[in-house]
Structures are given as structure tokens and as C-alpha cells.
Amino acid sequence: MKIIIGSIIGILTLLMSSKTYSKDNHYVLIKKIENIEIREYKKLIYVSYTPENIKDRDNSFRNVASYIFGGNQNEKKIAMTSPVVIKIHNKNEMAFIMPKGYTIKNLPKANNKKLSIYEEASNIKASISYSGYSNSQKEELYIKELKEKLKKHNIKHNNDFELLVYNSPYQFFNRKNEIVVSINNNENMQKTNENIKSIHLGGGCFWCVEAVFEDVIGVQNVKSGYAGGKIKNPAYKEVARGLTEHAEVCEIIYNNQEITLEDILKIFFLTHDPTTLNRQGNDIGKHYRSIILYSSDKDRKRIKNYMLEINRDLFNYKIVTELKKLDTFYIAEEYHQNYYKENSLAPYCKAVISPKMEKARKELSKYYKVD
């Protein structure tokens, strides 16, 4: 199935000017197997349109977009989330995921009777990603590869393949796509899932924090984003100008059977300066503050105890790191993700991140995977 530019160009201006784009995170990464990800998707609510035939596919985006831009019985605008979902297994049904906070009961009814509104229970899915515009040939290629990888690792799937299109329609180049499929949640996967934990850390520019943690043994995934501020769905320009009070932070997903929370904190405190208020080196501003965001009281106690010890033993009671309960983590724009690995020759990376990485790998070598 090919997403045709002509089918969305008429509403592109409206979409880009509306500021309704939401960066909700819809899943938790369980583990990586080669180039595929195993994820637990949270319960999702969809508004969708199933095209009547091949020619009707081009109308899918327009039909669903009309709903979120007020074409509903309450005439209410609803934030558009990413990705857009194309259910290949169901006649290329196009579905928009509704933002957090909505339920089946409080969503307005659609004026268009051809739209469906329904809830999908939480489930486990496997995902493989690729870039550029998607088409049937690419989808068949990556479906085949995903099938082969799952078979290789003895993971059964439900043959309900979906295409996820990110950044649409905002980004015409280097678009990210994924093919996902539901897999059986066997006992081994359940045990693995119980060991997966998360912590959100800010220690200056999130490019640095991401680079420090993404190759740490036991760390499953690192995402750059924003947290600790006052507005919903902040954008990078707003955060950088100090308009939102958010900090640049990274979501660290890790397996606590391979690395402890205390080890994560040790790496964090030894790879940035927690004694400088609202700055790291030449990066100055509240969004560069040192901050730890916890999700549970149990974690808060462990973090507080660790901070007291390291503050006394290594930092002469000068730590200014903020400890705060996590409200919402907003994933940053796609170009911020995996930044160092994809831009290692950029001036900032060469001058700031590379020396930091060399020092971290030397002084904390036991925590890093061997290249």
C-alpha cells in the first residue's frame, strides 16, 4: 500500500498550522532481538477508516483527519498522535490513535458513519523499522524479513501485520516506518517483561545522556525527550527558549536482572556535573538542569538514599540535582533520537560528546558492551 502525497496535500497546511500533533508513547520496549523490537503496547483507542476499494485508499487520511479537526458531533479538535496505523491485514484500514486521557465514553461521536471508533486491548508486538516512503513492495520485503526473524527465534505471530508511519504528513524526507505484528505472550516473555524498568534522567543536553547510556549492558532502549515542565506536548524550540520549564531528559529502559538502579545512577552522576545549577559546561539554561524523575515511592527512596551517599562521599554535599516525580514524558522530535551515532562528526559531537564517551568507557568499562 502506498501513501500518496496528493491525497494529503490539500490538508497539509491545516495540519501544520494547527499545533495538534501529540508525541504520546504508546508502548514499552521489552527487548531487542537482532534488528527487531519486542514491545508491550498499552490499551489503545482507534478512530479508523476502511477503504471500500483500491481507489478509495487515497481518501482514508482525509476521512479520519476530518474527525480530529472538528468533524464530530461535539465539533471538538483532537490532537493527532504519531504514528498513523495502516492495518495491512484488514483491507488497509487507516487508524489514528487517540491521545492519552480519552476513553470510548468521552470521545465525541463521528459525523461520518464510515468511521469506526474502537478499543484494542494491550498486547505484545514485534517491530522492524525502515525509512522513506512506503509501498507494497517494501512492505512485503519487511514482512518477509520479520517473519524469518521471528521463526528463527521460535516466536509465533498472529499474521496481523500493520504498517506504522511516523512524522506523517509533517516530514517528507527520511520518514520512519515500521512493520509490526502481534506475537504470542508466552511465559518467558512475561518473565522478561517483569524485569523491565524505566528511569528518566536529565544531565545537560539529552544527546549526551543518550550517548552515555545506549550501549550500557542491560539498557534496552534510550529515548530523548522532555519532562518536568508545565505545558503539554512541548516542542524543542519552546523548551530551548525556556518557555515550558521542561528539562531535556532521556527515558532509560533497562533490565534489572542485568543492571541495577544504583548502577544506572552511578553512571549518571559520574558522567555529568551534578553540582552546577541549570548548566553543563557551555550549555546554559533551566532545560539543561540535572534532574531525576521517578515513577514510584520505592524508586524515590532508593534514589534519595543513593544521592545522600554519593553527595557525601564524592561531591562534598554540593549536588543540586532535582528529584521529582514523573508526570509525563514527551518524546522529542525524531531528529533528536540516536543523535550521536548518526552525527558523530558534527562539531558539537566531536567537541563535547566524544570526549565524554571516551572517559565513560575508560572509567566505567565494566558497564559497557565490547565494540
Protein backbone atom coordinates (compact mmCIF):
# COMPACT_ATOMS: atom_id res chain seq x y z
CA MET A 1 0.00 0.00 0.00
CA LYS A 2 1.44 3.36 -0.99
CA ILE A 3 0.67 6.60 0.80
CA ILE A 4 0.14 9.13 -1.99
CA ILE A 5 1.31 12.70 -1.41
CA GLY A 6 -1.55 14.02 -3.50
CA SER A 7 -4.13 12.56 -1.13
CA ILE A 8 -2.94 14.64 1.81
CA ILE A 9 -1.55 17.78 0.23
CA GLY A 10 -4.91 19.56 0.46
CA ILE A 11 -4.96 19.37 4.27
CA LEU A 12 -1.22 19.67 4.89
CA THR A 13 -1.34 23.41 5.61
CA LEU A 14 -4.14 22.91 8.11
CA LEU A 15 -2.29 20.12 9.87
CA MET A 16 0.99 22.00 10.16
CA SER A 17 -0.61 25.19 11.47
CA SER A 18 -2.96 23.58 13.98
CA LYS A 19 -0.39 22.50 16.59
CA THR A 20 -2.45 19.39 17.33
CA TYR A 21 0.41 16.91 16.98
CA SER A 22 0.91 14.74 20.09
CA LYS A 23 4.04 12.68 20.85
CA ASP A 24 2.40 10.10 23.12
CA ASN A 25 4.45 6.99 23.81
CA HIS A 26 2.17 4.03 23.17
CA TYR A 27 4.41 1.14 24.16
CA VAL A 28 7.15 -0.14 26.45
CA LEU A 29 10.16 -1.87 24.93
CA ILE A 30 10.61 -5.38 26.34
CA LYS A 31 13.71 -6.49 24.48
CA LYS A 32 15.66 -6.27 21.22
CA ILE A 33 16.39 -9.31 19.05
CA GLU A 34 18.81 -8.51 16.24
CA ASN A 35 17.12 -5.63 14.35
CA ILE A 36 13.60 -6.20 15.69
CA GLU A 37 11.98 -4.88 18.86
CA ILE A 38 9.58 -6.75 21.12
CA ARG A 39 7.14 -4.28 22.65
CA GLU A 40 4.22 -4.23 25.04
CA TYR A 41 1.58 -1.90 23.64
CA LYS A 42 -0.75 -0.21 26.07
CA LYS A 43 -4.50 -0.29 25.58
CA LEU A 44 -5.23 1.85 22.51
CA ILE A 45 -8.33 3.62 21.21
CA TYR A 46 -8.57 3.98 17.43
CA VAL A 47 -10.61 6.12 15.09
CA SER A 48 -10.32 4.48 11.68
CA TYR A 49 -11.49 4.33 8.09
CA THR A 50 -11.50 1.19 5.96
CA PRO A 51 -11.36 1.99 2.24
CA GLU A 52 -14.02 0.42 0.06
CA ASN A 53 -11.58 -0.36 -2.76
CA ILE A 54 -8.09 0.45 -4.05
CA LYS A 55 -9.13 3.85 -5.44
CA ASP A 56 -10.73 4.76 -2.13
CA ARG A 57 -7.47 4.29 -0.21
CA ASP A 58 -6.40 7.85 -1.03
CA ASN A 59 -9.42 9.16 0.89
CA SER A 60 -8.52 7.38 4.14
CA PHE A 61 -6.34 10.11 5.61
CA ARG A 62 -8.82 12.83 4.67
CA ASN A 63 -11.73 10.98 6.29
CA VAL A 64 -10.04 10.33 9.62
CA ALA A 65 -8.34 13.74 9.71
CA SER A 66 -11.72 15.44 9.35
CA TYR A 67 -12.81 13.79 12.60
CA ILE A 68 -9.86 15.06 14.66
CA PHE A 69 -10.17 18.56 13.23
CA GLY A 70 -13.70 19.02 14.49
CA GLY A 71 -15.76 16.87 12.14
CA ASN A 72 -17.52 15.20 15.05
CA GLN A 73 -20.73 15.73 16.98
CA ASN A 74 -19.02 17.93 19.59
CA GLU A 75 -17.12 19.92 16.95
CA LYS A 76 -14.05 19.31 19.09
CA LYS A 77 -10.47 19.28 17.84
CA ILE A 78 -8.43 16.30 18.98
CA ALA A 79 -4.63 16.04 18.94
CA MET A 80 -3.17 13.89 16.19
CA THR A 81 -0.74 11.30 17.50
CA SER A 82 2.13 9.57 15.75
CA PRO A 83 2.28 7.04 14.17
CA VAL A 84 -0.58 6.67 11.71
CA VAL A 85 -1.51 2.97 11.58
CA ILE A 86 -2.26 1.11 8.35
CA LYS A 87 -3.74 -2.31 9.10
CA ILE A 88 -2.49 -4.26 6.10
CA HIS A 89 -4.30 -7.39 7.27
CA ASN A 90 -7.66 -5.59 7.23
CA LYS A 91 -8.01 -4.09 3.74
CA ASN A 92 -5.51 -1.32 4.54
CA GLU A 93 -7.69 0.20 7.27
CA MET A 94 -6.15 3.53 8.34
CA ALA A 95 -6.33 4.24 12.08
CA PHE A 96 -5.41 7.22 14.23
CA ILE A 97 -4.50 6.50 17.85
CA MET A 98 -6.40 8.72 20.27
CA PRO A 99 -4.30 10.70 22.81
CA LYS A 100 -3.99 9.74 26.45
CA GLY A 101 -6.94 10.77 28.59
CA TYR A 102 -9.63 9.71 26.15
CA THR A 103 -11.95 6.75 26.65
CA ILE A 104 -14.61 5.23 24.44
CA LYS A 105 -17.20 7.06 26.54
CA ASN A 106 -15.70 10.56 26.43
CA LEU A 107 -14.69 10.59 22.75
CA PRO A 108 -17.17 12.54 20.61
CA LYS A 109 -19.17 10.51 18.11
CA ALA A 110 -18.22 10.78 14.46
CA ASN A 111 -20.37 12.63 11.96
CA ASN A 112 -19.03 10.34 9.25
CA LYS A 113 -20.79 6.98 9.61
CA LYS A 114 -17.99 5.27 7.70
CA LEU A 115 -15.57 5.86 10.60
CA SER A 116 -15.08 3.26 13.33
CA ILE A 117 -14.19 4.02 16.95
CA TYR A 118 -12.98 1.06 18.99
CA GLU A 119 -10.59 -0.07 21.71
CA GLU A 120 -7.74 -2.55 21.31
CA ALA A 121 -6.56 -4.41 24.41
CA SER A 122 -2.90 -4.25 25.45
CA ASN A 123 -0.76 -6.80 23.63
CA ILE A 124 2.76 -7.80 22.69
CA LYS A 125 4.07 -6.96 19.21
CA ALA A 126 7.27 -7.38 17.22
CA SER A 127 8.50 -4.48 15.10
CA ILE A 128 11.00 -3.88 12.30
CA SER A 129 11.73 -0.36 11.00
CA TYR A 130 12.77 1.23 7.71
CA SER A 131 12.93 4.73 6.22
CA GLY A 132 11.46 6.55 3.23
CA TYR A 133 8.01 6.39 1.66
CA SER A 134 6.36 3.01 1.92
CA ASN A 135 4.87 0.93 -0.88
CA SER A 136 3.59 -2.61 -1.31
CA GLN A 137 6.99 -3.94 -2.44
CA LYS A 138 8.77 -2.55 0.62
CA GLU A 139 6.06 -3.79 2.94
CA GLU A 140 6.21 -7.31 1.51
CA LEU A 141 10.01 -7.28 1.84
CA TYR A 142 9.98 -6.27 5.51
CA ILE A 143 7.06 -8.53 6.37
CA LYS A 144 9.09 -11.41 4.95
CA GLU A 145 12.17 -10.39 6.95
CA LEU A 146 10.17 -10.02 10.15
CA LYS A 147 8.60 -13.44 9.64
CA GLU A 148 12.03 -15.01 9.11
CA LYS A 149 13.49 -13.41 12.25
CA LEU A 150 10.56 -14.50 14.40
CA LYS A 151 10.74 -18.04 13.04
CA LYS A 152 14.48 -18.11 13.68
CA HIS A 153 13.89 -17.28 17.35
CA ASN A 154 10.89 -19.58 17.68
CA ILE A 155 8.40 -16.76 18.23
CA LYS A 156 4.90 -17.34 16.88
CA HIS A 157 2.95 -14.44 15.37
CA ASN A 158 -0.74 -13.84 14.60
CA ASN A 159 -0.27 -12.76 10.96
CA ASP A 160 -1.97 -9.39 11.65
CA PHE A 161 0.70 -7.21 10.06
CA GLU A 162 0.42 -3.43 10.32
CA LEU A 163 2.34 -0.50 8.85
CA LEU A 164 3.17 2.37 11.22
CA VAL A 165 4.00 5.67 9.53
CA TYR A 166 5.77 8.26 11.68
CA ASN A 167 6.17 12.03 11.08
CA SER A 168 3.31 11.96 8.58
CA PRO A 169 2.46 14.30 7.00
CA TYR A 170 4.96 16.70 8.53
CA GLN A 171 8.16 15.17 7.19
CA PHE A 172 8.60 14.35 3.53
CA PHE A 173 12.20 13.12 3.76
CA ASN A 174 13.80 10.43 5.97
CA ARG A 175 10.39 9.27 7.11
CA LYS A 176 10.33 6.43 9.60
CA ASN A 177 8.11 3.41 9.03
CA GLU A 178 7.63 0.17 10.91
CA ILE A 179 6.03 -3.18 10.23
CA VAL A 180 4.54 -4.69 13.40
CA VAL A 181 2.75 -7.92 14.17
CA SER A 182 1.17 -9.39 17.31
CA ILE A 183 3.07 -12.25 18.89
CA ASN A 184 2.17 -14.85 21.48
CA ASN A 185 2.86 -13.68 25.02
CA ASN A 186 4.47 -16.87 26.29
CA GLU A 187 5.68 -17.44 29.84
CA ASN A 188 9.26 -16.50 29.00
CA MET A 189 8.14 -13.15 27.55
CA GLN A 190 6.05 -12.43 30.67
CA LYS A 191 9.04 -13.04 32.91
CA THR A 192 11.19 -10.79 30.76
CA ASN A 193 8.57 -8.07 30.91
CA GLU A 194 8.52 -8.13 34.72
CA ASN A 195 12.23 -7.33 34.76
CA ILE A 196 11.95 -4.26 32.52
CA LYS A 197 12.13 -0.97 34.42
CA SER A 198 12.48 2.69 33.49
CA ILE A 199 14.06 5.86 34.88
CA HIS A 200 14.15 9.36 33.41
CA LEU A 201 17.38 11.33 33.71
CA GLY A 202 18.46 14.81 32.70
CA GLY A 203 22.10 15.85 32.79
CA GLY A 204 22.51 18.63 30.26
CA CYS A 205 21.92 18.09 26.55
CA PHE A 206 19.94 14.88 26.01
CA TRP A 207 22.24 13.96 23.13
CA CYS A 208 24.97 13.41 25.73
CA VAL A 209 22.83 11.40 28.13
CA GLU A 210 21.56 9.22 25.29
CA ALA A 211 25.10 8.55 24.03
CA VAL A 212 26.29 7.61 27.52
CA PHE A 213 23.52 5.07 28.15
CA GLU A 214 22.58 3.48 24.85
CA ASP A 215 25.46 0.96 24.89
CA VAL A 216 25.36 0.17 28.60
CA ILE A 217 24.92 -3.52 29.39
CA GLY A 218 21.33 -4.15 30.48
CA VAL A 219 19.93 -0.99 28.92
CA GLN A 220 17.23 -1.97 26.43
CA ASN A 221 16.39 1.40 24.93
CA VAL A 222 17.06 5.14 25.32
CA LYS A 223 14.70 7.87 24.11
CA SER A 224 15.35 11.60 24.22
CA GLY A 225 12.52 13.86 25.31
CA TYR A 226 11.17 16.42 27.73
CA ALA A 227 9.80 16.19 31.28
CA GLY A 228 9.36 18.19 34.47
CA GLY A 229 7.61 21.18 32.89
CA LYS A 230 4.18 22.75 32.83
CA ILE A 231 2.69 22.50 29.33
CA LYS A 232 1.53 19.57 27.23
CA ASN A 233 3.34 18.41 24.09
CA PRO A 234 6.30 20.80 24.23
CA ALA A 235 8.41 21.37 21.13
CA TYR A 236 12.19 21.71 21.12
CA LYS A 237 12.17 25.42 20.27
CA GLU A 238 9.81 26.16 23.17
CA VAL A 239 11.87 24.12 25.63
CA ALA A 240 15.17 25.65 24.49
CA ARG A 241 13.79 29.17 24.90
CA GLY A 242 12.78 28.40 28.50
CA LEU A 243 9.05 28.78 27.85
CA THR A 244 7.92 25.43 29.25
CA GLU A 245 10.16 24.72 32.30
CA HIS A 246 10.82 21.23 30.92
CA ALA A 247 14.24 19.66 31.13
CA GLU A 248 15.92 17.73 28.35
CA VAL A 249 15.83 14.16 29.66
CA CYS A 250 16.26 10.61 28.49
CA GLU A 251 13.98 7.70 29.21
CA ILE A 252 16.23 4.77 30.14
CA ILE A 253 14.58 1.35 29.74
CA TYR A 254 16.64 -1.35 31.42
CA ASN A 255 16.53 -4.96 32.58
CA ASN A 256 17.03 -5.02 36.33
CA GLN A 257 18.34 -8.59 36.11
CA GLU A 258 21.32 -7.23 34.17
CA ILE A 259 21.87 -3.81 35.74
CA THR A 260 20.57 -2.27 38.97
CA LEU A 261 19.00 1.12 39.51
CA GLU A 262 22.00 2.05 41.65
CA ASP A 263 24.38 1.24 38.80
CA ILE A 264 22.30 3.40 36.45
CA LEU A 265 22.56 6.25 38.98
CA LYS A 266 26.31 5.73 39.36
CA ILE A 267 26.82 6.10 35.61
CA PHE A 268 24.57 9.15 35.59
CA PHE A 269 26.37 11.01 38.38
CA LEU A 270 29.85 10.18 37.10
CA THR A 271 29.18 11.31 33.52
CA HIS A 272 27.86 14.82 34.18
CA ASP A 273 28.40 17.58 36.73
CA PRO A 274 25.53 17.46 39.26
CA THR A 275 26.89 20.48 41.18
CA THR A 276 26.23 23.21 38.59
CA LEU A 277 22.77 24.75 38.65
CA ASN A 278 20.96 24.92 35.29
CA ARG A 279 24.04 24.28 33.20
CA GLN A 280 26.51 21.72 31.88
CA GLY A 281 29.69 23.35 30.63
CA ASN A 282 28.76 25.87 27.96
CA ASP A 283 25.17 24.60 27.79
CA ILE A 284 23.29 27.07 29.98
CA GLY A 285 19.59 27.19 30.80
CA LYS A 286 17.00 25.57 33.05
CA HIS A 287 16.30 22.92 30.41
CA TYR A 288 19.89 21.70 30.95
CA ARG A 289 19.42 21.17 34.69
CA SER A 290 20.43 17.99 36.47
CA ILE A 291 17.24 16.08 37.26
CA ILE A 292 15.99 12.60 38.13
CA LEU A 293 12.32 11.76 37.62
CA TYR A 294 10.99 8.70 39.45
CA SER A 295 7.78 6.72 38.95
CA SER A 296 7.25 5.02 42.32
CA ASP A 297 7.82 5.76 46.00
CA LYS A 298 10.05 2.68 46.19
CA ASP A 299 12.32 4.11 43.50
CA ARG A 300 12.24 7.55 45.15
CA LYS A 301 13.59 6.08 48.40
CA ARG A 302 16.34 4.15 46.62
CA ILE A 303 17.34 7.21 44.60
CA LYS A 304 17.31 9.51 47.63
CA ASN A 305 19.47 7.09 49.65
CA TYR A 306 21.95 6.78 46.80
CA MET A 307 22.11 10.54 46.35
CA LEU A 308 22.80 11.07 50.04
CA GLU A 309 25.71 8.63 49.90
CA ILE A 310 27.33 9.89 46.72
CA ASN A 311 26.79 13.53 47.74
CA ARG A 312 28.68 12.86 50.96
CA ASP A 313 31.39 10.60 49.57
CA LEU A 314 32.21 12.23 46.20
CA PHE A 315 30.66 15.68 45.85
CA ASN A 316 31.22 17.32 49.23
CA TYR A 317 27.47 17.99 49.64
CA LYS A 318 27.33 20.19 46.53
CA ILE A 319 24.84 18.19 44.44
CA VAL A 320 21.97 20.32 43.09
CA THR A 321 20.23 17.52 41.18
CA GLU A 322 16.45 17.88 41.30
CA LEU A 323 14.47 14.82 42.38
CA LYS A 324 10.90 14.90 41.13
CA LYS A 325 8.03 12.53 40.44
CA LEU A 326 7.47 11.91 36.76
CA ASP A 327 4.25 13.35 35.40
CA THR A 328 4.53 12.86 31.63
CA PHE A 329 7.49 12.09 29.41
CA TYR A 330 7.20 13.67 25.96
CA ILE A 331 9.33 12.05 23.26
CA ALA A 332 11.45 14.60 21.41
CA GLU A 333 11.38 15.14 17.67
CA GLU A 334 12.68 12.25 15.56
CA TYR A 335 15.92 14.02 14.55
CA HIS A 336 16.99 14.11 18.21
CA GLN A 337 16.87 10.31 18.55
CA ASN A 338 20.12 8.33 18.30
CA TYR A 339 21.75 11.67 17.57
CA TYR A 340 25.37 10.95 18.45
CA LYS A 341 25.63 7.72 16.49
CA GLU A 342 24.13 9.32 13.41
CA ASN A 343 26.01 12.63 13.70
CA SER A 344 29.31 11.75 15.39
CA LEU A 345 31.29 14.04 13.08
CA ALA A 346 29.17 17.11 13.87
CA PRO A 347 31.16 19.84 15.71
CA TYR A 348 29.18 19.54 18.97
CA CYS A 349 29.53 15.77 18.99
CA LYS A 350 33.29 15.90 18.35
CA ALA A 351 33.93 18.66 20.90
CA VAL A 352 31.58 17.62 23.71
CA ILE A 353 30.16 14.11 23.40
CA SER A 354 33.15 12.16 22.05
CA PRO A 355 35.48 13.14 24.94
CA LYS A 356 32.68 12.33 27.41
CA MET A 357 32.19 8.92 25.83
CA GLU A 358 35.91 8.12 25.82
CA LYS A 359 36.12 8.98 29.52
CA ALA A 360 33.00 6.99 30.39
CA ARG A 361 34.14 3.88 28.55
CA LYS A 362 37.56 4.09 30.20
CA GLU A 363 36.46 4.76 33.78
CA LEU A 364 33.25 2.74 33.73
CA SER A 365 34.32 0.00 31.30
CA LYS A 366 32.61 -2.85 33.17
CA TYR A 367 29.20 -1.37 32.29
CA TYR A 368 29.76 -1.19 28.54
CA LYS A 369 29.33 -3.68 25.75
CA VAL A 370 32.55 -4.51 23.93
CA ASP A 371 32.65 -3.00 20.42
